[in-house]
C-alpha atoms as a PDB file:
ATOM      1  CA  MET A   1      -5.524  -9.023  26.084  1.00  0.00           C
ATOM      2  CA  LYS A   2      -6.128 -11.079  22.954  1.00  0.00           C
ATOM      3  CA  ILE A   3      -6.191  -9.097  19.762  1.00  0.00           C
ATOM      4  CA  ASP A   4      -9.321  -9.668  17.685  1.00  0.00           C
ATOM      5  CA  THR A   5      -7.324 -10.909  14.465  1.00  0.00           C
ATOM      6  CA  LYS A   6     -10.764 -11.818  12.715  1.00  0.00           C
ATOM      7  CA  HIS A   7     -11.630  -8.070  12.993  1.00  0.00           C
ATOM      8  CA  PHE A   8      -8.266  -6.791  11.759  1.00  0.00           C
ATOM      9  CA  LYS A   9      -7.968  -9.260   9.004  1.00  0.00           C
ATOM     10  CA  LYS A  10     -11.376  -8.082   7.679  1.00  0.00           C
ATOM     11  CA  VAL A  11     -10.247  -4.484   8.035  1.00  0.00           C
ATOM     12  CA  LEU A  12      -6.955  -5.209   6.295  1.00  0.00           C
ATOM     13  CA  GLU A  13      -8.652  -7.263   3.431  1.00  0.00           C
ATOM     14  CA  GLU A  14     -10.973  -4.376   2.859  1.00  0.00           C
ATOM     15  CA  GLU A  15      -8.138  -1.979   2.631  1.00  0.00           C
ATOM     16  CA  ARG A  16      -6.147  -4.089   0.391  1.00  0.00           C
ATOM     17  CA  ASP A  17      -9.121  -4.491  -2.098  1.00  0.00           C
ATOM     18  CA  LYS A  18      -9.503  -0.585  -2.230  1.00  0.00           C
ATOM     19  CA  LEU A  19      -5.718  -0.193  -2.735  1.00  0.00           C
ATOM     20  CA  LYS A  20      -5.846  -2.681  -5.612  1.00  0.00           C
ATOM     21  CA  THR A  21      -8.514  -0.775  -7.285  1.00  0.00           C
ATOM     22  CA  GLU A  22      -6.703   2.535  -6.760  1.00  0.00           C
ATOM     23  CA  LEU A  23      -3.389   0.995  -7.999  1.00  0.00           C
ATOM     24  CA  ALA A  24      -5.204  -0.403 -11.064  1.00  0.00           C
ATOM     25  CA  SER A  25      -6.694   2.921 -11.933  1.00  0.00           C
ATOM     26  CA  ILE A  26      -3.387   4.628 -12.400  1.00  0.00           C
ATOM     27  CA  GLY A  27      -0.967   1.687 -12.964  1.00  0.00           C
ATOM     28  CA  ARG A  28      -0.539  -1.924 -13.845  1.00  0.00           C
ATOM     29  CA  ILE A  29       1.394  -4.904 -12.458  1.00  0.00           C
ATOM     30  CA  ASN A  30       4.891  -4.889 -13.959  1.00  0.00           C
ATOM     31  CA  PRO A  31       4.954  -8.013 -16.348  1.00  0.00           C
ATOM     32  CA  ASP A  32       8.671  -8.428 -15.605  1.00  0.00           C
ATOM     33  CA  ASN A  33       8.003  -8.457 -11.678  1.00  0.00           C
ATOM     34  CA  PRO A  34       4.501  -9.488 -10.595  1.00  0.00           C
ATOM     35  CA  GLY A  35       5.173  -8.019  -7.133  1.00  0.00           C
ATOM     36  CA  ASP A  36       5.783  -4.585  -8.505  1.00  0.00           C
ATOM     37  CA  TRP A  37       3.481  -2.036  -9.866  1.00  0.00           C
ATOM     38  CA  GLU A  38       4.259   0.597 -12.644  1.00  0.00           C
ATOM     39  CA  ALA A  39       2.521   3.683 -13.664  1.00  0.00           C
ATOM     40  CA  ALA A  40       0.487   3.244 -16.844  1.00  0.00           C
ATOM     41  CA  PRO A  41       1.301   5.493 -19.796  1.00  0.00           C
ATOM     42  CA  ASP A  42      -1.458   8.071 -20.503  1.00  0.00           C
ATOM     43  CA  GLU A  43      -3.751   6.476 -23.129  1.00  0.00           C
ATOM     44  CA  ARG A  44      -4.791   9.779 -24.701  1.00  0.00           C
ATOM     45  CA  ASN A  45      -3.935  10.297 -28.361  1.00  0.00           C
ATOM     46  CA  VAL A  46      -1.140  12.710 -28.320  1.00  0.00           C
ATOM     47  CA  THR A  47       0.237  14.054 -31.615  1.00  0.00           C
ATOM     48  CA  PRO A  48       4.075  14.640 -31.303  1.00  0.00           C
ATOM     49  CA  ALA A  49       3.649  18.070 -32.891  1.00  0.00           C
ATOM     50  CA  ASP A  50       1.672  19.308 -29.929  1.00  0.00           C
ATOM     51  CA  GLU A  51       4.238  20.180 -27.380  1.00  0.00           C
ATOM     52  CA  ASN A  52       1.559  21.070 -24.732  1.00  0.00           C
ATOM     53  CA  GLU A  53      -0.096  17.855 -24.963  1.00  0.00           C
ATOM     54  CA  VAL A  54       3.148  16.087 -24.640  1.00  0.00           C
ATOM     55  CA  ALA A  55       4.182  18.017 -21.603  1.00  0.00           C
ATOM     56  CA  ASP A  56       0.624  17.382 -20.102  1.00  0.00           C
ATOM     57  CA  THR A  57       1.065  13.620 -20.688  1.00  0.00           C
ATOM     58  CA  ILE A  58       4.706  13.681 -19.122  1.00  0.00           C
ATOM     59  CA  GLU A  59       3.406  15.607 -16.036  1.00  0.00           C
ATOM     60  CA  SER A  60       0.307  13.222 -15.571  1.00  0.00           C
ATOM     61  CA  TYR A  61       2.672  10.165 -15.807  1.00  0.00           C
ATOM     62  CA  GLU A  62       5.002  11.658 -13.287  1.00  0.00           C
ATOM     63  CA  GLU A  63       2.156  12.457 -10.898  1.00  0.00           C
ATOM     64  CA  ASN A  64       0.837   8.900 -11.374  1.00  0.00           C
ATOM     65  CA  THR A  65       4.259   7.473 -10.569  1.00  0.00           C
ATOM     66  CA  ALA A  66       4.505   9.305  -7.268  1.00  0.00           C
ATOM     67  CA  ILE A  67       0.905   8.458  -6.176  1.00  0.00           C
ATOM     68  CA  LEU A  68       1.479   4.822  -7.349  1.00  0.00           C
ATOM     69  CA  LYS A  69       4.649   4.521  -5.162  1.00  0.00           C
ATOM     70  CA  GLN A  70       2.723   5.628  -2.022  1.00  0.00           C
ATOM     71  CA  LEU A  71      -0.118   3.216  -2.815  1.00  0.00           C
ATOM     72  CA  GLU A  72       2.302   0.411  -3.469  1.00  0.00           C
ATOM     73  CA  ILE A  73       4.073   1.021  -0.309  1.00  0.00           C
ATOM     74  CA  ARG A  74       0.801   0.740   1.706  1.00  0.00           C
ATOM     75  CA  PHE A  75      -0.395  -2.160  -0.285  1.00  0.00           C
ATOM     76  CA  ASN A  76       2.741  -4.083   0.626  1.00  0.00           C
ATOM     77  CA  GLU A  77       2.495  -3.061   4.269  1.00  0.00           C
ATOM     78  CA  VAL A  78      -1.253  -4.472   4.321  1.00  0.00           C
ATOM     79  CA  GLU A  79      -0.066  -7.705   2.634  1.00  0.00           C
ATOM     80  CA  LYS A  80       2.685  -8.121   5.233  1.00  0.00           C
ATOM     81  CA  ALA A  81       0.096  -7.701   7.999  1.00  0.00           C
ATOM     82  CA  LEU A  82      -2.267 -10.241   6.525  1.00  0.00           C
ATOM     83  CA  LYS A  83       0.759 -12.548   6.336  1.00  0.00           C
ATOM     84  CA  ARG A  84       1.581 -11.951   9.933  1.00  0.00           C
ATOM     85  CA  ILE A  85      -2.120 -12.854  11.006  1.00  0.00           C
ATOM     86  CA  GLU A  86      -1.720 -16.175   9.006  1.00  0.00           C
ATOM     87  CA  GLU A  87       1.672 -16.891  10.744  1.00  0.00           C
ATOM     88  CA  ASP A  88       0.093 -15.992  14.186  1.00  0.00           C
ATOM     89  CA  GLN A  89       2.523 -13.120  14.503  1.00  0.00           C
ATOM     90  CA  TYR A  90      -0.002 -10.213  14.133  1.00  0.00           C
ATOM     91  CA  GLY A  91       0.036  -7.621  16.896  1.00  0.00           C
ATOM     92  CA  ILE A  92       3.594  -8.322  17.957  1.00  0.00           C
ATOM     93  CA  CYS A  93       6.131  -5.569  18.114  1.00  0.00           C
ATOM     94  CA  GLU A  94       8.898  -6.439  15.638  1.00  0.00           C
ATOM     95  CA  VAL A  95      11.325  -4.367  17.605  1.00  0.00           C
ATOM     96  CA  GLY A  96      10.880  -5.451  21.221  1.00  0.00           C
ATOM     97  CA  GLY A  97       8.429  -8.516  20.950  1.00  0.00           C
ATOM     98  CA  GLU A  98       5.730  -6.988  23.047  1.00  0.00           C
ATOM     99  CA  GLU A  99       2.068  -6.718  22.167  1.00  0.00           C
ATOM    100  CA  ILE A 100       1.169  -3.700  19.906  1.00  0.00           C
ATOM    101  CA  GLU A 101      -1.439  -1.574  21.638  1.00  0.00           C
ATOM    102  CA  GLU A 102      -4.960  -2.129  20.232  1.00  0.00           C
ATOM    103  CA  GLU A 103      -5.380   1.685  19.822  1.00  0.00           C
ATOM    104  CA  ARG A 104      -2.245   1.684  17.673  1.00  0.00           C
ATOM    105  CA  LEU A 105      -3.634  -1.179  15.535  1.00  0.00           C
ATOM    106  CA  LYS A 106      -6.985   0.681  15.235  1.00  0.00           C
ATOM    107  CA  ALA A 107      -5.229   3.660  13.956  1.00  0.00           C
ATOM    108  CA  ASN A 108      -2.963   1.583  11.616  1.00  0.00           C
ATOM    109  CA  PRO A 109      -3.883  -2.018  11.292  1.00  0.00           C
ATOM    110  CA  ALA A 110      -0.659  -2.746   9.516  1.00  0.00           C
ATOM    111  CA  ALA A 111       1.682  -1.274  12.268  1.00  0.00           C
ATOM    112  CA  THR A 112       4.699  -3.407  12.954  1.00  0.00           C
ATOM    113  CA  SER A 113       5.665  -1.761  16.241  1.00  0.00           C
ATOM    114  CA  CYS A 114       4.209  -0.713  19.572  1.00  0.00           C
ATOM    115  CA  ILE A 115       3.853   3.042  20.347  1.00  0.00           C
ATOM    116  CA  SER A 116       6.982   3.244  22.342  1.00  0.00           C
ATOM    117  CA  HIS A 117       9.087   1.839  19.482  1.00  0.00           C
ATOM    118  CA  MET A 118       7.196   3.705  16.756  1.00  0.00           C
ATOM    119  CA  GLN A 119       8.506   7.057  18.337  1.00  0.00           C
ATOM    120  CA  LYS A 120      12.246   5.985  18.182  1.00  0.00           C
END
């Protein structure tokens, strides 16, 4: 069975674009490391005297950092999957070298292992 890489490339590119938008909404690319994202500070005007506002800003930043980390992990997985398509390695299990099942790729187009190796 031949995997339809054109289909999965389109799906992955669409997901990558959505992830970029989501990442940009709560973070920015780290100027010191362009391959890394960092949470953007809250841009609200917070007066240092208002402890509640300061606490809210810190809490918001911490939440954004946690969300950003998950989005960044997925973004990198998608980028790697697109690279595997370009290198004609897409859909091959990185553990055993066999073809990844199409239903697995439909569920997770960035999958790097087949179902049997995923469960180990």
